Structures are given as C-alpha cells and as structure tokens.
C-alpha atoms as a PDB file:
ATOM      1  CA  UNK A   1       0.024  -0.059  -0.039  1.00  0.00           C
ATOM      2  CA  UNK A   2       2.652   2.677   0.857  1.00  0.00           C
ATOM      3  CA  UNK A   3       4.158   2.572  -2.659  1.00  0.00           C
ATOM      4  CA  UNK A   4       0.781   3.351  -4.183  1.00  0.00           C
ATOM      5  CA  UNK A   5       0.158   6.517  -2.266  1.00  0.00           C
ATOM      6  CA  UNK A   6       0.562   9.693  -4.078  1.00  0.00           C
ATOM      7  CA  UNK A   7      -0.162  11.971  -1.122  1.00  0.00           C
ATOM      8  CA  UNK A   8      -0.038  12.192   2.645  1.00  0.00           C
ATOM      9  CA  UNK A   9      -2.276  14.879   3.949  1.00  0.00           C
ATOM     10  CA  UNK A  10      -1.050  16.297   7.257  1.00  0.00           C
ATOM     11  CA  UNK A  11      -3.456  18.000   9.644  1.00  0.00           C
ATOM     12  CA  UNK A  12      -2.356  19.268  13.155  1.00  0.00           C
ATOM     13  CA  UNK A  13      -5.206  19.845  15.575  1.00  0.00           C
ATOM     14  CA  UNK A  14      -5.850  20.842  19.066  1.00  0.00           C
ATOM     15  CA  UNK A  15      -9.149  21.263  20.893  1.00  0.00           C
ATOM     16  CA  UNK A  16     -11.201  21.821  17.737  1.00  0.00           C
ATOM     17  CA  UNK A  17     -13.225  18.529  17.111  1.00  0.00           C
ATOM     18  CA  UNK A  18     -16.107  20.180  15.196  1.00  0.00           C
ATOM     19  CA  UNK A  19     -13.825  22.075  12.924  1.00  0.00           C
ATOM     20  CA  UNK A  20     -11.729  18.923  12.359  1.00  0.00           C
ATOM     21  CA  UNK A  21     -14.903  16.977  11.652  1.00  0.00           C
ATOM     22  CA  UNK A  22     -15.718  19.393   8.757  1.00  0.00           C
ATOM     23  CA  UNK A  23     -12.208  19.216   7.573  1.00  0.00           C
ATOM     24  CA  UNK A  24     -12.220  15.535   7.293  1.00  0.00           C
ATOM     25  CA  UNK A  25     -15.615  15.532   5.577  1.00  0.00           C
ATOM     26  CA  UNK A  26     -14.134  17.722   2.915  1.00  0.00           C
ATOM     27  CA  UNK A  27     -11.136  15.595   2.339  1.00  0.00           C
ATOM     28  CA  UNK A  28     -13.456  12.508   2.116  1.00  0.00           C
ATOM     29  CA  UNK A  29     -15.571  14.349  -0.648  1.00  0.00           C
ATOM     30  CA  UNK A  30     -12.660  15.298  -2.776  1.00  0.00           C
ATOM     31  CA  UNK A  31     -12.497  14.255  -6.506  1.00  0.00           C
ATOM     32  CA  UNK A  32      -9.352  12.211  -5.893  1.00  0.00           C
ATOM     33  CA  UNK A  33      -9.123   8.463  -5.718  1.00  0.00           C
ATOM     34  CA  UNK A  34      -9.218   7.381  -2.075  1.00  0.00           C
ATOM     35  CA  UNK A  35      -6.587   4.714  -2.557  1.00  0.00           C
ATOM     36  CA  UNK A  36      -4.055   7.259  -3.606  1.00  0.00           C
ATOM     37  CA  UNK A  37      -3.900   9.292  -0.541  1.00  0.00           C
ATOM     38  CA  UNK A  38      -3.838   8.977   3.283  1.00  0.00           C
ATOM     39  CA  UNK A  39      -4.877  11.568   5.961  1.00  0.00           C
ATOM     40  CA  UNK A  40      -2.674  11.815   9.130  1.00  0.00           C
ATOM     41  CA  UNK A  41      -4.210  13.919  11.963  1.00  0.00           C
ATOM     42  CA  UNK A  42      -1.690  14.860  14.695  1.00  0.00           C
ATOM     43  CA  UNK A  43      -3.554  15.524  17.984  1.00  0.00           C
ATOM     44  CA  UNK A  44      -1.357  18.114  19.791  1.00  0.00           C
ATOM     45  CA  UNK A  45      -2.659  16.935  23.228  1.00  0.00           C
ATOM     46  CA  UNK A  46      -6.276  18.012  22.997  1.00  0.00           C
ATOM     47  CA  UNK A  47      -8.469  17.828  26.054  1.00  0.00           C
ATOM     48  CA  UNK A  48     -10.601  14.942  24.602  1.00  0.00           C
ATOM     49  CA  UNK A  49      -9.264  11.949  22.567  1.00  0.00           C
ATOM     50  CA  UNK A  50     -10.334  11.766  18.973  1.00  0.00           C
ATOM     51  CA  UNK A  51     -10.946   8.091  18.697  1.00  0.00           C
ATOM     52  CA  UNK A  52     -14.743   8.304  18.295  1.00  0.00           C
ATOM     53  CA  UNK A  53     -14.419  10.961  15.526  1.00  0.00           C
ATOM     54  CA  UNK A  54     -11.860   8.915  13.658  1.00  0.00           C
ATOM     55  CA  UNK A  55     -14.286   5.981  13.690  1.00  0.00           C
ATOM     56  CA  UNK A  56     -16.768   8.040  11.689  1.00  0.00           C
ATOM     57  CA  UNK A  57     -14.413   8.191   8.844  1.00  0.00           C
ATOM     58  CA  UNK A  58     -12.787   4.707   8.787  1.00  0.00           C
ATOM     59  CA  UNK A  59     -14.837   3.589   5.680  1.00  0.00           C
ATOM     60  CA  UNK A  60     -14.255   6.641   3.652  1.00  0.00           C
ATOM     61  CA  UNK A  61     -10.635   7.710   4.428  1.00  0.00           C
ATOM     62  CA  UNK A  62      -7.200   6.094   5.012  1.00  0.00           C
ATOM     63  CA  UNK A  63      -7.024   7.926   8.323  1.00  0.00           C
ATOM     64  CA  UNK A  64      -4.507   7.854  11.194  1.00  0.00           C
ATOM     65  CA  UNK A  65      -4.763   9.774  14.404  1.00  0.00           C
ATOM     66  CA  UNK A  66      -1.580  10.466  16.227  1.00  0.00           C
ATOM     67  CA  UNK A  67      -1.507  11.888  19.626  1.00  0.00           C
ATOM     68  CA  UNK A  68       1.502  13.634  21.174  1.00  0.00           C
ATOM     69  CA  UNK A  69       2.216  16.025  24.018  1.00  0.00           C
ATOM     70  CA  UNK A  70       1.614  19.659  23.264  1.00  0.00           C
ATOM     71  CA  UNK A  71       4.626  21.331  21.430  1.00  0.00           C
ATOM     72  CA  UNK A  72       2.810  23.471  18.811  1.00  0.00           C
ATOM     73  CA  UNK A  73       1.802  22.894  15.184  1.00  0.00           C
ATOM     74  CA  UNK A  74       5.374  22.858  13.742  1.00  0.00           C
ATOM     75  CA  UNK A  75       6.377  19.896  15.831  1.00  0.00           C
ATOM     76  CA  UNK A  76       3.181  18.226  15.282  1.00  0.00           C
ATOM     77  CA  UNK A  77       3.476  18.450  11.461  1.00  0.00           C
ATOM     78  CA  UNK A  78       6.955  17.007  11.626  1.00  0.00           C
ATOM     79  CA  UNK A  79       5.614  14.162  13.770  1.00  0.00           C
ATOM     80  CA  UNK A  80       2.963  13.466  11.165  1.00  0.00           C
ATOM     81  CA  UNK A  81       5.437  13.382   8.417  1.00  0.00           C
ATOM     82  CA  UNK A  82       7.619  10.886  10.174  1.00  0.00           C
ATOM     83  CA  UNK A  83       4.660   8.388   9.814  1.00  0.00           C
ATOM     84  CA  UNK A  84       3.709   9.475   6.158  1.00  0.00           C
ATOM     85  CA  UNK A  85       4.085   7.112   3.185  1.00  0.00           C
ATOM     86  CA  UNK A  86       3.033   9.504   0.311  1.00  0.00           C
ATOM     87  CA  UNK A  87       5.371  10.581  -2.364  1.00  0.00           C
ATOM     88  CA  UNK A  88       4.016  14.093  -1.833  1.00  0.00           C
ATOM     89  CA  UNK A  89       3.017  15.887   1.396  1.00  0.00           C
ATOM     90  CA  UNK A  90       0.098  18.204   1.444  1.00  0.00           C
ATOM     91  CA  UNK A  91      -0.638  20.432   4.522  1.00  0.00           C
ATOM     92  CA  UNK A  92      -3.830  21.981   5.770  1.00  0.00           C
ATOM     93  CA  UNK A  93      -5.256  23.012   9.151  1.00  0.00           C
ATOM     94  CA  UNK A  94      -8.257  21.739  11.213  1.00  0.00           C
ATOM     95  CA  UNK A  95     -10.244  24.939  10.587  1.00  0.00           C
ATOM     96  CA  UNK A  96      -9.939  24.538   6.873  1.00  0.00           C
ATOM     97  CA  UNK A  97     -12.039  22.598   4.390  1.00  0.00           C
ATOM     98  CA  UNK A  98     -10.637  21.549   1.023  1.00  0.00           C
ATOM     99  CA  UNK A  99     -12.372  22.132  -2.381  1.00  0.00           C
ATOM    100  CA  UNK A 100     -13.306  19.056  -4.522  1.00  0.00           C
ATOM    101  CA  UNK A 101     -10.273  19.487  -6.809  1.00  0.00           C
ATOM    102  CA  UNK A 102      -7.753  20.703  -4.170  1.00  0.00           C
ATOM    103  CA  UNK A 103      -5.498  17.538  -4.068  1.00  0.00           C
ATOM    104  CA  UNK A 104      -5.873  16.962  -7.830  1.00  0.00           C
ATOM    105  CA  UNK A 105      -4.704  20.515  -8.544  1.00  0.00           C
ATOM    106  CA  UNK A 106      -1.680  20.173  -6.201  1.00  0.00           C
ATOM    107  CA  UNK A 107      -0.877  16.849  -7.889  1.00  0.00           C
ATOM    108  CA  UNK A 108      -0.995  18.439 -11.309  1.00  0.00           C
ATOM    109  CA  UNK A 109       1.303  21.207 -10.476  1.00  0.00           C
ATOM    110  CA  UNK A 110       3.715  18.813  -8.606  1.00  0.00           C
ATOM    111  CA  UNK A 111       3.854  16.553 -11.580  1.00  0.00           C
ATOM    112  CA  UNK A 112       5.100  19.404 -13.708  1.00  0.00           C
ATOM    113  CA  UNK A 113       7.290  20.966 -11.032  1.00  0.00           C
ATOM    114  CA  UNK A 114       8.234  18.217  -8.609  1.00  0.00           C
ATOM    115  CA  UNK A 115      11.190  20.086  -7.072  1.00  0.00           C
ATOM    116  CA  UNK A 116       8.956  23.139  -6.061  1.00  0.00           C
ATOM    117  CA  UNK A 117       6.961  23.966  -2.942  1.00  0.00           C
ATOM    118  CA  UNK A 118       3.463  24.549  -4.252  1.00  0.00           C
ATOM    119  CA  UNK A 119       1.086  26.892  -2.487  1.00  0.00           C
ATOM    120  CA  UNK A 120      -2.633  27.058  -3.170  1.00  0.00           C
ATOM    121  CA  UNK A 121      -5.309  29.758  -2.767  1.00  0.00           C
ATOM    122  CA  UNK A 122      -6.995  30.338   0.620  1.00  0.00           C
ATOM    123  CA  UNK A 123     -10.486  31.929   0.668  1.00  0.00           C
ATOM    124  CA  UNK A 124     -12.312  33.212   3.674  1.00  0.00           C
ATOM    125  CA  UNK A 125     -15.367  30.918   4.226  1.00  0.00           C
ATOM    126  CA  UNK A 126     -17.089  33.255   6.713  1.00  0.00           C
ATOM    127  CA  UNK A 127     -17.661  36.294   4.769  1.00  0.00           C
ATOM    128  CA  UNK A 128     -20.265  37.712   7.212  1.00  0.00           C
ATOM    129  CA  UNK A 129     -17.637  37.799   9.972  1.00  0.00           C
ATOM    130  CA  UNK A 130     -15.879  41.079   9.718  1.00  0.00           C
ATOM    131  CA  UNK A 131     -12.835  39.943  11.769  1.00  0.00           C
ATOM    132  CA  UNK A 132     -12.418  36.856   9.378  1.00  0.00           C
ATOM    133  CA  UNK A 133     -12.761  39.206   6.416  1.00  0.00           C
ATOM    134  CA  UNK A 134     -10.072  41.489   7.926  1.00  0.00           C
ATOM    135  CA  UNK A 135      -7.721  38.547   8.360  1.00  0.00           C
ATOM    136  CA  UNK A 136      -8.286  37.558   4.749  1.00  0.00           C
ATOM    137  CA  UNK A 137      -7.432  41.123   3.579  1.00  0.00           C
ATOM    138  CA  UNK A 138      -4.106  40.800   5.582  1.00  0.00           C
ATOM    139  CA  UNK A 139      -3.306  37.477   4.010  1.00  0.00           C
ATOM    140  CA  UNK A 140      -4.286  38.649   0.481  1.00  0.00           C
ATOM    141  CA  UNK A 141      -2.018  41.700   0.897  1.00  0.00           C
ATOM    142  CA  UNK A 142       0.825  39.353   2.096  1.00  0.00           C
ATOM    143  CA  UNK A 143       0.405  37.154  -0.984  1.00  0.00           C
ATOM    144  CA  UNK A 144       0.178  40.222  -3.336  1.00  0.00           C
ATOM    145  CA  UNK A 145       3.361  41.831  -1.912  1.00  0.00           C
ATOM    146  CA  UNK A 146       5.583  38.928  -1.310  1.00  0.00           C
ATOM    147  CA  UNK A 147       4.514  36.775  -4.320  1.00  0.00           C
ATOM    148  CA  UNK A 148       4.737  39.378  -7.138  1.00  0.00           C
ATOM    149  CA  UNK A 149       5.069  36.900 -10.003  1.00  0.00           C
ATOM    150  CA  UNK A 150       5.188  33.184 -10.721  1.00  0.00           C
ATOM    151  CA  UNK A 151       8.588  31.794  -9.827  1.00  0.00           C
ATOM    152  CA  UNK A 152       9.291  34.746  -7.528  1.00  0.00           C
ATOM    153  CA  UNK A 153       7.072  33.829  -4.570  1.00  0.00           C
ATOM    154  CA  UNK A 154       8.558  34.157  -0.963  1.00  0.00           C
ATOM    155  CA  UNK A 155       5.786  32.836   1.194  1.00  0.00           C
ATOM    156  CA  UNK A 156       2.722  30.476   1.277  1.00  0.00           C
ATOM    157  CA  UNK A 157       0.718  29.777   4.484  1.00  0.00           C
ATOM    158  CA  UNK A 158       0.925  26.254   5.708  1.00  0.00           C
ATOM    159  CA  UNK A 159      -2.832  25.650   5.669  1.00  0.00           C
ATOM    160  CA  UNK A 160      -2.470  25.232   1.974  1.00  0.00           C
ATOM    161  CA  UNK A 161       0.870  24.067   0.632  1.00  0.00           C
ATOM    162  CA  UNK A 162       2.569  20.798  -0.623  1.00  0.00           C
ATOM    163  CA  UNK A 163       5.864  19.505  -1.712  1.00  0.00           C
ATOM    164  CA  UNK A 164       7.709  16.244  -2.376  1.00  0.00           C
ATOM    165  CA  UNK A 165       8.190  14.326   0.815  1.00  0.00           C
ATOM    166  CA  UNK A 166      12.002  13.866   0.091  1.00  0.00           C
ATOM    167  CA  UNK A 167      12.507  17.597  -0.192  1.00  0.00           C
ATOM    168  CA  UNK A 168      10.699  18.172   3.151  1.00  0.00           C
ATOM    169  CA  UNK A 169      12.915  15.698   4.729  1.00  0.00           C
ATOM    170  CA  UNK A 170      15.974  16.999   3.140  1.00  0.00           C
ATOM    171  CA  UNK A 171      15.119  20.483   4.700  1.00  0.00           C
ATOM    172  CA  UNK A 172      14.528  18.685   8.066  1.00  0.00           C
ATOM    173  CA  UNK A 173      11.049  19.841   8.064  1.00  0.00           C
ATOM    174  CA  UNK A 174       9.745  22.720  10.254  1.00  0.00           C
ATOM    175  CA  UNK A 175      11.962  23.986  13.052  1.00  0.00           C
ATOM    176  CA  UNK A 176      11.584  21.687  16.032  1.00  0.00           C
ATOM    177  CA  UNK A 177      12.100  24.495  18.588  1.00  0.00           C
ATOM    178  CA  UNK A 178       9.318  26.658  17.124  1.00  0.00           C
ATOM    179  CA  UNK A 179       6.417  26.187  19.786  1.00  0.00           C
ATOM    180  CA  UNK A 180       4.464  29.281  18.741  1.00  0.00           C
ATOM    181  CA  UNK A 181       1.542  28.641  16.626  1.00  0.00           C
ATOM    182  CA  UNK A 182       2.592  31.638  14.364  1.00  0.00           C
ATOM    183  CA  UNK A 183       5.288  32.247  11.794  1.00  0.00           C
ATOM    184  CA  UNK A 184       6.581  28.686  11.432  1.00  0.00           C
ATOM    185  CA  UNK A 185       5.441  28.561   7.885  1.00  0.00           C
ATOM    186  CA  UNK A 186       7.262  31.860   7.121  1.00  0.00           C
ATOM    187  CA  UNK A 187      10.443  30.431   8.586  1.00  0.00           C
ATOM    188  CA  UNK A 188       9.958  27.100   6.553  1.00  0.00           C
ATOM    189  CA  UNK A 189       9.498  29.088   3.277  1.00  0.00           C
ATOM    190  CA  UNK A 190      12.564  31.195   3.922  1.00  0.00           C
ATOM    191  CA  UNK A 191      14.769  28.166   4.564  1.00  0.00           C
ATOM    192  CA  UNK A 192      13.425  26.638   1.365  1.00  0.00           C
ATOM    193  CA  UNK A 193      14.400  29.665  -0.599  1.00  0.00           C
ATOM    194  CA  UNK A 194      17.833  29.748   1.071  1.00  0.00           C
ATOM    195  CA  UNK A 195      18.404  26.324  -0.491  1.00  0.00           C
ATOM    196  CA  UNK A 196      17.802  27.811  -3.930  1.00  0.00           C
ATOM    197  CA  UNK A 197      14.482  26.059  -4.214  1.00  0.00           C
ATOM    198  CA  UNK A 198      11.285  27.731  -5.782  1.00  0.00           C
ATOM    199  CA  UNK A 199       7.914  28.391  -4.568  1.00  0.00           C
ATOM    200  CA  UNK A 200       5.141  27.837  -7.192  1.00  0.00           C
ATOM    201  CA  UNK A 201       1.643  29.383  -6.794  1.00  0.00           C
ATOM    202  CA  UNK A 202      -1.409  27.194  -7.790  1.00  0.00           C
ATOM    203  CA  UNK A 203      -4.431  29.444  -7.618  1.00  0.00           C
ATOM    204  CA  UNK A 204      -6.694  26.435  -8.701  1.00  0.00           C
ATOM    205  CA  UNK A 205      -5.856  24.471  -5.486  1.00  0.00           C
ATOM    206  CA  UNK A 206      -8.371  26.062  -3.208  1.00  0.00           C
ATOM    207  CA  UNK A 207      -8.690  25.764   0.602  1.00  0.00           C
ATOM    208  CA  UNK A 208     -11.632  27.446   2.488  1.00  0.00           C
ATOM    209  CA  UNK A 209     -10.692  28.957   5.873  1.00  0.00           C
ATOM    210  CA  UNK A 210     -13.250  28.920   8.557  1.00  0.00           C
ATOM    211  CA  UNK A 211     -11.842  31.544  10.979  1.00  0.00           C
ATOM    212  CA  UNK A 212     -14.600  32.178  13.513  1.00  0.00           C
ATOM    213  CA  UNK A 213     -13.144  35.242  15.061  1.00  0.00           C
ATOM    214  CA  UNK A 214     -14.319  37.809  17.404  1.00  0.00           C
ATOM    215  CA  UNK A 215     -12.387  40.989  18.625  1.00  0.00           C
ATOM    216  CA  UNK A 216     -10.691  39.197  21.382  1.00  0.00           C
ATOM    217  CA  UNK A 217      -9.526  36.167  19.335  1.00  0.00           C
ATOM    218  CA  UNK A 218      -8.648  38.512  16.486  1.00  0.00           C
ATOM    219  CA  UNK A 219      -6.289  40.494  18.751  1.00  0.00           C
ATOM    220  CA  UNK A 220      -4.912  37.277  20.196  1.00  0.00           C
ATOM    221  CA  UNK A 221      -4.151  35.866  16.869  1.00  0.00           C
ATOM    222  CA  UNK A 222      -2.069  38.848  15.814  1.00  0.00           C
ATOM    223  CA  UNK A 223      -0.342  39.226  19.238  1.00  0.00           C
ATOM    224  CA  UNK A 224       0.769  35.647  18.583  1.00  0.00           C
ATOM    225  CA  UNK A 225       1.846  36.485  14.998  1.00  0.00           C
ATOM    226  CA  UNK A 226       3.803  39.586  16.454  1.00  0.00           C
ATOM    227  CA  UNK A 227       5.580  37.218  18.708  1.00  0.00           C
ATOM    228  CA  UNK A 228       6.338  34.954  15.841  1.00  0.00           C
ATOM    229  CA  UNK A 229       7.694  37.825  13.772  1.00  0.00           C
ATOM    230  CA  UNK A 230      10.142  38.661  16.587  1.00  0.00           C
ATOM    231  CA  UNK A 231      11.331  35.094  16.698  1.00  0.00           C
ATOM    232  CA  UNK A 232      11.635  35.043  13.069  1.00  0.00           C
ATOM    233  CA  UNK A 233      13.870  38.089  12.822  1.00  0.00           C
ATOM    234  CA  UNK A 234      15.907  37.612  15.944  1.00  0.00           C
ATOM    235  CA  UNK A 235      16.420  33.978  16.065  1.00  0.00           C
ATOM    236  CA  UNK A 236      16.076  32.376  12.691  1.00  0.00           C
ATOM    237  CA  UNK A 237      17.579  35.232  10.639  1.00  0.00           C
ATOM    238  CA  UNK A 238      20.447  36.250  13.022  1.00  0.00           C
ATOM    239  CA  UNK A 239      23.950  36.846  11.625  1.00  0.00           C
ATOM    240  CA  UNK A 240      24.942  35.898   8.080  1.00  0.00           C
ATOM    241  CA  UNK A 241      21.652  34.056   7.482  1.00  0.00           C
ATOM    242  CA  UNK A 242      19.614  37.303   7.087  1.00  0.00           C
ATOM    243  CA  UNK A 243      19.269  40.907   8.342  1.00  0.00           C
ATOM    244  CA  UNK A 244      18.176  40.024  11.789  1.00  0.00           C
ATOM    245  CA  UNK A 245      16.566  43.279  13.003  1.00  0.00           C
ATOM    246  CA  UNK A 246      13.002  44.227  11.831  1.00  0.00           C
ATOM    247  CA  UNK A 247      12.841  46.750   8.988  1.00  0.00           C
ATOM    248  CA  UNK A 248       9.378  48.117   8.220  1.00  0.00           C
ATOM    249  CA  UNK A 249       8.404  47.721   4.533  1.00  0.00           C
ATOM    250  CA  UNK A 250       6.188  50.806   3.775  1.00  0.00           C
ATOM    251  CA  UNK A 251       5.053  49.452   0.423  1.00  0.00           C
ATOM    252  CA  UNK A 252       3.695  46.306   2.195  1.00  0.00           C
ATOM    253  CA  UNK A 253       1.584  48.560   4.459  1.00  0.00           C
ATOM    254  CA  UNK A 254       0.233  50.592   1.441  1.00  0.00           C
ATOM    255  CA  UNK A 255      -0.799  47.320  -0.131  1.00  0.00           C
ATOM    256  CA  UNK A 256      -2.602  46.328   3.020  1.00  0.00           C
ATOM    257  CA  UNK A 257      -4.489  49.534   3.624  1.00  0.00           C
ATOM    258  CA  UNK A 258      -5.538  49.998   0.116  1.00  0.00           C
ATOM    259  CA  UNK A 259      -6.959  46.428  -0.385  1.00  0.00           C
ATOM    260  CA  UNK A 260     -10.182  46.875   1.602  1.00  0.00           C
ATOM    261  CA  UNK A 261     -11.160  49.799  -0.689  1.00  0.00           C
ATOM    262  CA  UNK A 262     -10.514  47.520  -3.751  1.00  0.00           C
ATOM    263  CA  UNK A 263     -12.340  44.440  -2.519  1.00  0.00           C
ATOM    264  CA  UNK A 264     -15.241  45.952  -0.498  1.00  0.00           C
ATOM    265  CA  UNK A 265     -17.980  48.588  -0.537  1.00  0.00           C
ATOM    266  CA  UNK A 266     -17.156  51.831   1.359  1.00  0.00           C
ATOM    267  CA  UNK A 267     -18.913  50.982   4.744  1.00  0.00           C
ATOM    268  CA  UNK A 268     -17.343  47.529   4.966  1.00  0.00           C
ATOM    269  CA  UNK A 269     -13.892  48.746   3.727  1.00  0.00           C
ATOM    270  CA  UNK A 270     -13.975  51.316   6.553  1.00  0.00           C
ATOM    271  CA  UNK A 271     -14.698  48.752   9.193  1.00  0.00           C
ATOM    272  CA  UNK A 272     -11.933  46.507   7.834  1.00  0.00           C
ATOM    273  CA  UNK A 273      -9.498  49.431   7.707  1.00  0.00           C
ATOM    274  CA  UNK A 274     -10.207  50.098  11.432  1.00  0.00           C
ATOM    275  CA  UNK A 275      -9.449  46.503  12.187  1.00  0.00           C
ATOM    276  CA  UNK A 276      -6.141  46.839  10.253  1.00  0.00           C
ATOM    277  CA  UNK A 277      -5.053  49.541  12.744  1.00  0.00           C
ATOM    278  CA  UNK A 278      -6.023  46.947  15.567  1.00  0.00           C
ATOM    279  CA  UNK A 279      -4.006  44.325  13.753  1.00  0.00           C
ATOM    280  CA  UNK A 280      -0.983  46.694  13.786  1.00  0.00           C
ATOM    281  CA  UNK A 281      -1.396  47.459  17.480  1.00  0.00           C
ATOM    282  CA  UNK A 282      -1.758  43.741  18.425  1.00  0.00           C
ATOM    283  CA  UNK A 283       1.154  42.855  16.135  1.00  0.00           C
ATOM    284  CA  UNK A 284       3.498  45.476  17.752  1.00  0.00           C
ATOM    285  CA  UNK A 285       2.376  44.315  21.257  1.00  0.00           C
ATOM    286  CA  UNK A 286       3.257  40.811  20.485  1.00  0.00           C
ATOM    287  CA  UNK A 287       6.549  41.732  18.934  1.00  0.00           C
ATOM    288  CA  UNK A 288       7.668  43.732  21.895  1.00  0.00           C
ATOM    289  CA  UNK A 289       6.218  41.205  24.448  1.00  0.00           C
ATOM    290  CA  UNK A 290       8.397  38.467  22.781  1.00  0.00           C
ATOM    291  CA  UNK A 291      11.345  40.782  22.823  1.00  0.00           C
ATOM    292  CA  UNK A 292      10.917  41.445  26.407  1.00  0.00           C
ATOM    293  CA  UNK A 293      10.481  37.605  27.246  1.00  0.00           C
ATOM    294  CA  UNK A 294      13.623  36.590  25.308  1.00  0.00           C
ATOM    295  CA  UNK A 295      15.853  39.393  26.747  1.00  0.00           C
ATOM    296  CA  UNK A 296      14.505  38.513  30.183  1.00  0.00           C
ATOM    297  CA  UNK A 297      15.662  34.838  29.589  1.00  0.00           C
END
C-alpha cells in the first residue's frame, strides 16, 4: 500500500473537534481516488481523545490519528510526516475545508514541477464575519506583496501548501524549537528559498478557511503573530543568514491598507480598515512582548 500512495495529507489539531470533523468531511468528498492518499491527523494533546471522531471516517478515508504532547503545530506536522507514506506531502489546518479539486490541482502542479513548494489559494469561508474578512485582507495583501510573479514567490501559508516528501525531509521539516502557533510557515519558506528552491503558486488549488473570530480572538491571533515575527527576525535570521533586525516595509503597508477599498464597498472597507489598525497594534504588542521575554531569559 505505501508505494501506491501519491499524497499524505497532514492536519495538526488541538481542541477543535467540530472544525476537524468538517475538515475530514471535505477531504473525504474530494474528487481524488481514495486509494491514492492518506490523511494523518496529529492531535497536539487535545483535552478529549479523537478516537470516536476517527471511527466516523474509517470507511471513507485512510485515516491515522496520532496523539502527542503539546509542542505546537510545527512539531506536530513533523511528527505526522515521520509516519507518512506518500510521495508528496500536503498540509492544511483543522479549521480549513478542501475544495473538491484541491488535491488533484496540487498533484498536477507537482507533476510538472516536482522540485517546487506549491502553495494554493486560501479563501475566507465566513464572509459575514468582519474579523475573518479583515484577516483575509491581511493574507491577500501578504500574497500580493511577497509573491509578485510566478517563480518569484517568497511565502505560502501552511494551511495550503505541498511538496515532495523527500524535499521536506532534506530540509529537516519545520523547526523543532518553534512552539508558537505563528510564523513557522514563514520560517519554513525562508529556509526553502535559502536552499535555492522555488515556490510555485497554484490558484486552482483552493482551501476554504473557517476562522470564527471575534475581537478578542482577532487580537490574540495577531499578538501571537507579532511574537512569531520577533522570533523569526531575531532567532532564525540572525547573523549571516539574514538581516536580523526588523525593517518596516512601507510598500507592504500601502498594499494592506488599500486592499479593503478595492475588494469591498465603502462601509465595509472602513470597518476593515479600522481593524487593520487594531491588527498593527496587536502585532506590535506581540513583537515587543516576545522581545521582552527573550531578553529576560
């Protein structure tokens, strides 16, 4: 069986059983032969075991549930890959659902570019949630700014990317000491590019992101991303590996703050713009908090 598997889909999860159930349903409903892929869910020490949930999918998915102590999604993904049999690895998150053609689209792109890291398109599935819409605006701005043209991409989010298993292992996977649930994909993409390898965008490989955010969780998310940004700049990119210190990119902020007015009607664009200021405040708070923590250590 292992030699027949084209893909191993890796899904880290923690304390979100209902979101995970929806994710697994979407994977079971894909237009892709079920005998050509496996799904490996890595339970990052959730409060409740997932055995009963897994039993619901035993007839429709080649599904493995691996449970480990809580060390964050980066380590969880590495743990899943250690047990994977697929020629290619595809990553998504437990609050995401796959479009019917997601895995097929990744497979087609990897067949033509097997040496590349392939990233797909991420769409906000909760359009009525203004916080999720703002989060999508930020991600869209990141993709627009840092992925200006095919073959020149610099970042894909780990809820929708894939690569050859042997390339992932050659890179030693995600950094094992990255316990934060933020920025680990940015670090992974940076290290991939440092090897001289390419990132390849596949807009036809679509993942729907179900971020049920409110003001508190929106702020918490970007405080965490601010902490991850500090770690990225000061730990991963220190010395000769990169510039180290954070340098604001004014063109990126211009891209962010103009996007709501391109994508939305004025009233909604104004609300999202207000949340972008909240995002910047939360991001800065997280950055300087992490700076204080690490200097204190």
